[in-house]
Amino acid sequence: MCRLILILFVCFSGFAKAQEPQLKRGLSNFVKEYTIYPTYSRNHCIQGTIEVGFKLNKEGKVYYATITRGIGADLDAEALRLIRLTSGKWQMPVSYDTTALIRSPMNFSLVDYGCENVNPGAVGLSIKKYNDEMVSINKIVNFYRNIEQGIENFIEESKIIALKNDLEIDDNFLAQKIAIAEKKIKQGDLQSACEDFKFVKYMGSTKADKQLAKYCK
């Protein structure tokens, strides 16, 4: 059986432990429970430490979050999503300084996925490939968004379709994207799920239209 191991370290600089915001059962357990390991990172054995910086208001809601040290693949977005998902679940000390930046390094590891002997150089190339592919994906997104907004495109749709074929963005790929979004809905993460449904839409597909109409009005 494949397992995911996530080790979480949380740094509250300048605060005594009694003054720290508290999350029920702890942030480490929250991350273990809610992580949906991103497809690209899982398939290419991308793992390691990602640091997220975030701020909480007096109601324990995350009002600011950013990657302060990332890996450079879709695993970064998952770390940021998890922090945002804790919003409103923090117990806040009365005197807490809401301008303080909490820094949370999270270590994501894949076990029993055949990643134990993967060459770090190969992983580095996979991360570069991911970022190269994102440039192409953004071209596709912009093309279909322009169509929706009635803006003239200066590229033929046949070239966009060829680009999707090169990236293997097919019905199976989009079905996986929708399935992941539906998992996020079950977690109460409407924002990230709607981003995934809109991604499907801006790949020129109607497969997520029902979900968009139901959840993302």
C-alpha atoms as a PDB file:
ATOM      1  CA  MET A   1       0.000   0.000   0.000  1.00  0.00           C
ATOM      2  CA  CYS A   2       1.316   3.449  -0.905  1.00  0.00           C
ATOM      3  CA  ARG A   3       1.682   5.890   1.945  1.00  0.00           C
ATOM      4  CA  LEU A   4       2.210   9.621   2.241  1.00  0.00           C
ATOM      5  CA  ILE A   5       4.343  10.894   5.092  1.00  0.00           C
ATOM      6  CA  LEU A   6       4.009  14.535   6.035  1.00  0.00           C
ATOM      7  CA  ILE A   7       6.150  16.127   8.705  1.00  0.00           C
ATOM      8  CA  LEU A   8       5.187  19.588   9.840  1.00  0.00           C
ATOM      9  CA  PHE A   9       7.162  22.135  11.805  1.00  0.00           C
ATOM     10  CA  VAL A  10       5.514  25.391  12.862  1.00  0.00           C
ATOM     11  CA  CYS A  11       7.490  28.435  13.938  1.00  0.00           C
ATOM     12  CA  PHE A  12       5.837  31.187  15.965  1.00  0.00           C
ATOM     13  CA  SER A  13       8.734  33.623  16.230  1.00  0.00           C
ATOM     14  CA  GLY A  14       8.702  35.917  19.220  1.00  0.00           C
ATOM     15  CA  PHE A  15       5.784  34.297  21.079  1.00  0.00           C
ATOM     16  CA  ALA A  16       5.718  32.118  24.161  1.00  0.00           C
ATOM     17  CA  LYS A  17       3.853  28.868  23.647  1.00  0.00           C
ATOM     18  CA  ALA A  18       0.925  30.046  25.782  1.00  0.00           C
ATOM     19  CA  GLN A  19       0.452  32.967  23.378  1.00  0.00           C
ATOM     20  CA  GLU A  20       0.440  30.906  20.198  1.00  0.00           C
ATOM     21  CA  PRO A  21      -2.720  30.405  18.127  1.00  0.00           C
ATOM     22  CA  GLN A  22      -3.948  26.836  18.534  1.00  0.00           C
ATOM     23  CA  LEU A  23      -5.558  24.540  15.984  1.00  0.00           C
ATOM     24  CA  LYS A  24      -7.720  21.684  17.247  1.00  0.00           C
ATOM     25  CA  ARG A  25      -5.653  18.464  17.143  1.00  0.00           C
ATOM     26  CA  GLY A  26      -2.722  20.496  15.799  1.00  0.00           C
ATOM     27  CA  LEU A  27      -1.670  21.664  12.372  1.00  0.00           C
ATOM     28  CA  SER A  28       0.384  18.535  11.718  1.00  0.00           C
ATOM     29  CA  ASN A  29      -2.644  16.260  12.131  1.00  0.00           C
ATOM     30  CA  PHE A  30      -4.747  18.634  10.022  1.00  0.00           C
ATOM     31  CA  VAL A  31      -2.239  18.422   7.178  1.00  0.00           C
ATOM     32  CA  LYS A  32      -2.060  14.631   7.371  1.00  0.00           C
ATOM     33  CA  GLU A  33      -5.840  14.380   7.222  1.00  0.00           C
ATOM     34  CA  TYR A  34      -6.515  16.823   4.392  1.00  0.00           C
ATOM     35  CA  THR A  35      -3.561  16.548   2.012  1.00  0.00           C
ATOM     36  CA  ILE A  36      -4.472  15.584  -1.547  1.00  0.00           C
ATOM     37  CA  TYR A  37      -1.044  14.874  -2.989  1.00  0.00           C
ATOM     38  CA  PRO A  38      -0.915  16.658  -6.359  1.00  0.00           C
ATOM     39  CA  THR A  39      -0.893  14.436  -9.421  1.00  0.00           C
ATOM     40  CA  TYR A  40       2.206  15.812 -11.147  1.00  0.00           C
ATOM     41  CA  SER A  41       4.337  15.795  -8.000  1.00  0.00           C
ATOM     42  CA  ARG A  42       3.182  12.281  -7.097  1.00  0.00           C
ATOM     43  CA  ASN A  43       3.843  10.913 -10.584  1.00  0.00           C
ATOM     44  CA  HIS A  44       7.316  12.490 -10.738  1.00  0.00           C
ATOM     45  CA  CYS A  45       8.438  11.775  -7.157  1.00  0.00           C
ATOM     46  CA  ILE A  46       8.558  15.456  -6.243  1.00  0.00           C
ATOM     47  CA  GLN A  47       8.800  15.825  -2.478  1.00  0.00           C
ATOM     48  CA  GLY A  48      10.525  17.920   0.153  1.00  0.00           C
ATOM     49  CA  THR A  49      10.043  20.921   2.393  1.00  0.00           C
ATOM     50  CA  ILE A  50       7.775  23.834   1.528  1.00  0.00           C
ATOM     51  CA  GLU A  51       7.457  26.834   3.814  1.00  0.00           C
ATOM     52  CA  VAL A  52       4.237  28.830   3.971  1.00  0.00           C
ATOM     53  CA  GLY A  53       3.993  32.201   5.678  1.00  0.00           C
ATOM     54  CA  PHE A  54       0.552  33.281   6.868  1.00  0.00           C
ATOM     55  CA  LYS A  55      -1.278  35.728   9.119  1.00  0.00           C
ATOM     56  CA  LEU A  56      -4.386  35.277  11.246  1.00  0.00           C
ATOM     57  CA  ASN A  57      -6.986  37.836  12.297  1.00  0.00           C
ATOM     58  CA  LYS A  58      -8.613  37.918  15.722  1.00  0.00           C
ATOM     59  CA  GLU A  59     -11.299  35.453  14.544  1.00  0.00           C
ATOM     60  CA  GLY A  60      -8.641  32.910  13.602  1.00  0.00           C
ATOM     61  CA  LYS A  61      -9.149  33.382   9.874  1.00  0.00           C
ATOM     62  CA  VAL A  62      -6.227  33.305   7.447  1.00  0.00           C
ATOM     63  CA  TYR A  63      -6.216  36.718   5.773  1.00  0.00           C
ATOM     64  CA  TYR A  64      -2.799  36.443   4.155  1.00  0.00           C
ATOM     65  CA  ALA A  65      -0.826  33.431   2.945  1.00  0.00           C
ATOM     66  CA  THR A  66       2.150  33.022   0.653  1.00  0.00           C
ATOM     67  CA  ILE A  67       4.829  30.490  -0.226  1.00  0.00           C
ATOM     68  CA  THR A  68       8.019  31.730   1.417  1.00  0.00           C
ATOM     69  CA  ARG A  69      10.139  28.791   0.257  1.00  0.00           C
ATOM     70  CA  GLY A  70       8.754  26.479  -2.391  1.00  0.00           C
ATOM     71  CA  ILE A  71       9.732  23.557  -4.584  1.00  0.00           C
ATOM     72  CA  GLY A  72       8.417  24.989  -7.839  1.00  0.00           C
ATOM     73  CA  ALA A  73       5.721  22.460  -8.746  1.00  0.00           C
ATOM     74  CA  ASP A  74       2.057  21.780  -7.960  1.00  0.00           C
ATOM     75  CA  LEU A  75       3.037  20.667  -4.444  1.00  0.00           C
ATOM     76  CA  ASP A  76       3.507  24.363  -3.576  1.00  0.00           C
ATOM     77  CA  ALA A  77      -0.137  25.070  -4.351  1.00  0.00           C
ATOM     78  CA  GLU A  78      -1.248  22.163  -2.151  1.00  0.00           C
ATOM     79  CA  ALA A  79       0.757  23.465   0.819  1.00  0.00           C
ATOM     80  CA  LEU A  80      -0.813  26.896   0.382  1.00  0.00           C
ATOM     81  CA  ARG A  81      -4.280  25.349   0.005  1.00  0.00           C
ATOM     82  CA  LEU A  82      -3.909  23.457   3.259  1.00  0.00           C
ATOM     83  CA  ILE A  83      -3.011  26.590   5.204  1.00  0.00           C
ATOM     84  CA  ARG A  84      -5.973  28.454   3.706  1.00  0.00           C
ATOM     85  CA  LEU A  85      -8.199  25.511   4.616  1.00  0.00           C
ATOM     86  CA  THR A  86      -7.413  26.077   8.308  1.00  0.00           C
ATOM     87  CA  SER A  87      -9.020  29.534   8.115  1.00  0.00           C
ATOM     88  CA  GLY A  88     -11.516  30.117  10.905  1.00  0.00           C
ATOM     89  CA  LYS A  89     -10.390  27.017  12.802  1.00  0.00           C
ATOM     90  CA  TRP A  90      -7.738  28.671  14.969  1.00  0.00           C
ATOM     91  CA  GLN A  91      -8.218  29.522  18.630  1.00  0.00           C
ATOM     92  CA  MET A  92      -6.681  32.937  19.173  1.00  0.00           C
ATOM     93  CA  PRO A  93      -5.047  34.396  22.313  1.00  0.00           C
ATOM     94  CA  VAL A  94      -6.635  37.662  23.417  1.00  0.00           C
ATOM     95  CA  SER A  95      -3.434  39.658  23.022  1.00  0.00           C
ATOM     96  CA  TYR A  96      -2.268  38.075  19.769  1.00  0.00           C
ATOM     97  CA  ASP A  97      -0.544  40.407  17.283  1.00  0.00           C
ATOM     98  CA  THR A  98      -2.467  39.858  14.040  1.00  0.00           C
ATOM     99  CA  THR A  99       0.361  41.421  12.001  1.00  0.00           C
ATOM    100  CA  ALA A 100       2.753  38.616  12.993  1.00  0.00           C
ATOM    101  CA  LEU A 101       3.854  36.270  10.228  1.00  0.00           C
ATOM    102  CA  ILE A 102       3.651  32.580  11.138  1.00  0.00           C
ATOM    103  CA  ARG A 103       6.127  30.489   9.178  1.00  0.00           C
ATOM    104  CA  SER A 104       5.208  26.832   8.667  1.00  0.00           C
ATOM    105  CA  PRO A 105       7.728  24.522   6.992  1.00  0.00           C
ATOM    106  CA  MET A 106       5.958  21.355   5.802  1.00  0.00           C
ATOM    107  CA  ASN A 107       7.830  18.291   4.617  1.00  0.00           C
ATOM    108  CA  PHE A 108       6.006  16.182   2.034  1.00  0.00           C
ATOM    109  CA  SER A 109       7.350  12.663   1.453  1.00  0.00           C
ATOM    110  CA  LEU A 110       6.213   9.802  -0.771  1.00  0.00           C
ATOM    111  CA  VAL A 111       6.711   6.270   0.565  1.00  0.00           C
ATOM    112  CA  ASP A 112       6.108   3.055  -1.428  1.00  0.00           C
ATOM    113  CA  TYR A 113       5.669   4.964  -4.676  1.00  0.00           C
ATOM    114  CA  GLY A 114       9.001   3.757  -6.040  1.00  0.00           C
ATOM    115  CA  CYS A 115      10.606   7.119  -5.286  1.00  0.00           C
ATOM    116  CA  GLU A 116      13.297   5.932  -2.882  1.00  0.00           C
ATOM    117  CA  ASN A 117      16.093   5.688  -5.471  1.00  0.00           C
ATOM    118  CA  VAL A 118      15.062   8.472  -7.817  1.00  0.00           C
ATOM    119  CA  ASN A 119      17.961  10.660  -8.927  1.00  0.00           C
ATOM    120  CA  PRO A 120      17.616  14.231  -7.578  1.00  0.00           C
ATOM    121  CA  GLY A 121      18.719  15.476 -10.984  1.00  0.00           C
ATOM    122  CA  ALA A 122      15.754  13.730 -12.602  1.00  0.00           C
ATOM    123  CA  VAL A 123      13.436  15.361 -10.086  1.00  0.00           C
ATOM    124  CA  GLY A 124      14.954  18.732 -10.905  1.00  0.00           C
ATOM    125  CA  LEU A 125      14.282  18.155 -14.595  1.00  0.00           C
ATOM    126  CA  SER A 126      10.683  17.205 -13.773  1.00  0.00           C
ATOM    127  CA  ILE A 127      10.224  20.480 -11.894  1.00  0.00           C
ATOM    128  CA  LYS A 128      11.637  22.396 -14.874  1.00  0.00           C
ATOM    129  CA  LYS A 129       9.305  20.493 -17.195  1.00  0.00           C
ATOM    130  CA  TYR A 130       6.356  21.377 -14.947  1.00  0.00           C
ATOM    131  CA  ASN A 131       7.122  25.082 -15.195  1.00  0.00           C
ATOM    132  CA  ASP A 132       7.613  24.852 -18.959  1.00  0.00           C
ATOM    133  CA  GLU A 133       4.254  23.114 -19.264  1.00  0.00           C
ATOM    134  CA  MET A 134       2.580  25.812 -17.167  1.00  0.00           C
ATOM    135  CA  VAL A 135       3.594  28.394 -19.791  1.00  0.00           C
ATOM    136  CA  SER A 136       1.778  26.342 -22.433  1.00  0.00           C
ATOM    137  CA  ILE A 137      -1.218  25.743 -20.168  1.00  0.00           C
ATOM    138  CA  ASN A 138      -1.543  29.469 -19.578  1.00  0.00           C
ATOM    139  CA  LYS A 139      -1.682  29.982 -23.351  1.00  0.00           C
ATOM    140  CA  ILE A 140      -4.582  27.523 -23.546  1.00  0.00           C
ATOM    141  CA  VAL A 141      -6.390  29.152 -20.613  1.00  0.00           C
ATOM    142  CA  ASN A 142      -6.022  32.617 -22.142  1.00  0.00           C
ATOM    143  CA  PHE A 143      -7.296  31.356 -25.506  1.00  0.00           C
ATOM    144  CA  TYR A 144     -10.561  29.960 -24.132  1.00  0.00           C
ATOM    145  CA  ARG A 145     -11.013  32.823 -21.677  1.00  0.00           C
ATOM    146  CA  ASN A 146     -10.750  35.249 -24.593  1.00  0.00           C
ATOM    147  CA  ILE A 147     -13.451  33.317 -26.429  1.00  0.00           C
ATOM    148  CA  GLU A 148     -15.721  33.599 -23.386  1.00  0.00           C
ATOM    149  CA  GLN A 149     -15.117  37.346 -23.155  1.00  0.00           C
ATOM    150  CA  GLY A 150     -15.469  37.969 -26.882  1.00  0.00           C
ATOM    151  CA  ILE A 151     -11.838  39.008 -27.254  1.00  0.00           C
ATOM    152  CA  GLU A 152     -10.085  38.295 -30.538  1.00  0.00           C
ATOM    153  CA  ASN A 153      -7.486  35.532 -30.434  1.00  0.00           C
ATOM    154  CA  PHE A 154      -4.336  35.828 -32.548  1.00  0.00           C
ATOM    155  CA  ILE A 155      -3.758  32.081 -32.690  1.00  0.00           C
ATOM    156  CA  GLU A 156      -5.744  29.390 -34.473  1.00  0.00           C
ATOM    157  CA  GLU A 157      -7.714  26.903 -32.357  1.00  0.00           C
ATOM    158  CA  SER A 158      -6.082  24.035 -34.264  1.00  0.00           C
ATOM    159  CA  LYS A 159      -2.750  25.071 -32.727  1.00  0.00           C
ATOM    160  CA  ILE A 160      -4.313  25.158 -29.261  1.00  0.00           C
ATOM    161  CA  ILE A 161      -5.746  21.674 -29.780  1.00  0.00           C
ATOM    162  CA  ALA A 162      -2.321  20.450 -30.906  1.00  0.00           C
ATOM    163  CA  LEU A 163      -0.800  21.996 -27.778  1.00  0.00           C
ATOM    164  CA  LYS A 164      -3.347  20.187 -25.586  1.00  0.00           C
ATOM    165  CA  ASN A 165      -2.487  16.928 -27.328  1.00  0.00           C
ATOM    166  CA  ASP A 166       1.221  17.507 -26.694  1.00  0.00           C
ATOM    167  CA  LEU A 167       0.467  18.065 -22.997  1.00  0.00           C
ATOM    168  CA  GLU A 168      -1.831  15.002 -22.911  1.00  0.00           C
ATOM    169  CA  ILE A 169      -4.755  17.099 -21.717  1.00  0.00           C
ATOM    170  CA  ASP A 170      -7.446  14.616 -22.689  1.00  0.00           C
ATOM    171  CA  ASP A 171     -10.763  13.426 -21.253  1.00  0.00           C
ATOM    172  CA  ASN A 172      -9.007  11.204 -18.715  1.00  0.00           C
ATOM    173  CA  PHE A 173      -6.823  14.066 -17.506  1.00  0.00           C
ATOM    174  CA  LEU A 174      -9.836  16.352 -17.095  1.00  0.00           C
ATOM    175  CA  ALA A 175     -11.840  13.623 -15.342  1.00  0.00           C
ATOM    176  CA  GLN A 176      -9.023  13.283 -12.795  1.00  0.00           C
ATOM    177  CA  LYS A 177      -9.059  17.054 -12.282  1.00  0.00           C
ATOM    178  CA  ILE A 178     -12.809  16.974 -11.626  1.00  0.00           C
ATOM    179  CA  ALA A 179     -12.450  14.029  -9.225  1.00  0.00           C
ATOM    180  CA  ILE A 180      -9.837  15.923  -7.214  1.00  0.00           C
ATOM    181  CA  ALA A 181     -12.070  19.009  -7.137  1.00  0.00           C
ATOM    182  CA  GLU A 182     -14.941  16.909  -5.814  1.00  0.00           C
ATOM    183  CA  LYS A 183     -12.676  15.647  -3.011  1.00  0.00           C
ATOM    184  CA  LYS A 184     -11.979  19.274  -2.138  1.00  0.00           C
ATOM    185  CA  ILE A 185     -15.730  19.972  -2.040  1.00  0.00           C
ATOM    186  CA  LYS A 186     -16.078  17.210   0.567  1.00  0.00           C
ATOM    187  CA  GLN A 187     -13.340  18.925   2.585  1.00  0.00           C
ATOM    188  CA  GLY A 188     -15.261  22.191   2.470  1.00  0.00           C
ATOM    189  CA  ASP A 189     -12.702  23.793   0.165  1.00  0.00           C
ATOM    190  CA  LEU A 190     -15.043  25.468  -2.303  1.00  0.00           C
ATOM    191  CA  GLN A 191     -12.496  28.040  -3.468  1.00  0.00           C
ATOM    192  CA  SER A 192      -9.891  25.560  -4.643  1.00  0.00           C
ATOM    193  CA  ALA A 193     -12.512  23.204  -6.089  1.00  0.00           C
ATOM    194  CA  CYS A 194     -13.977  26.004  -8.190  1.00  0.00           C
ATOM    195  CA  GLU A 195     -10.504  26.881  -9.438  1.00  0.00           C
ATOM    196  CA  ASP A 196     -10.174  23.283 -10.650  1.00  0.00           C
ATOM    197  CA  PHE A 197     -13.612  23.306 -12.294  1.00  0.00           C
ATOM    198  CA  LYS A 198     -12.756  26.575 -14.042  1.00  0.00           C
ATOM    199  CA  PHE A 199      -9.466  25.061 -15.181  1.00  0.00           C
ATOM    200  CA  VAL A 200     -11.442  22.314 -16.929  1.00  0.00           C
ATOM    201  CA  LYS A 201     -13.653  24.950 -18.539  1.00  0.00           C
ATOM    202  CA  TYR A 202     -10.658  26.911 -19.796  1.00  0.00           C
ATOM    203  CA  MET A 203      -9.223  23.776 -21.349  1.00  0.00           C
ATOM    204  CA  GLY A 204     -12.108  24.104 -23.794  1.00  0.00           C
ATOM    205  CA  SER A 205     -14.225  21.430 -22.112  1.00  0.00           C
ATOM    206  CA  THR A 206     -17.832  21.384 -20.876  1.00  0.00           C
ATOM    207  CA  LYS A 207     -17.247  18.432 -18.520  1.00  0.00           C
ATOM    208  CA  ALA A 208     -17.294  20.598 -15.382  1.00  0.00           C
ATOM    209  CA  ASP A 209     -20.218  22.831 -16.382  1.00  0.00           C
ATOM    210  CA  LYS A 210     -22.676  21.129 -13.993  1.00  0.00           C
ATOM    211  CA  GLN A 211     -20.294  21.569 -11.058  1.00  0.00           C
ATOM    212  CA  LEU A 212     -19.620  25.183 -11.996  1.00  0.00           C
ATOM    213  CA  ALA A 213     -23.348  25.907 -12.078  1.00  0.00           C
ATOM    214  CA  LYS A 214     -23.915  24.161  -8.753  1.00  0.00           C
ATOM    215  CA  TYR A 215     -20.942  25.322  -6.671  1.00  0.00           C
ATOM    216  CA  CYS A 216     -19.331  28.329  -8.355  1.00  0.00           C
ATOM    217  CA  LYS A 217     -22.029  30.904  -9.031  1.00  0.00           C
END
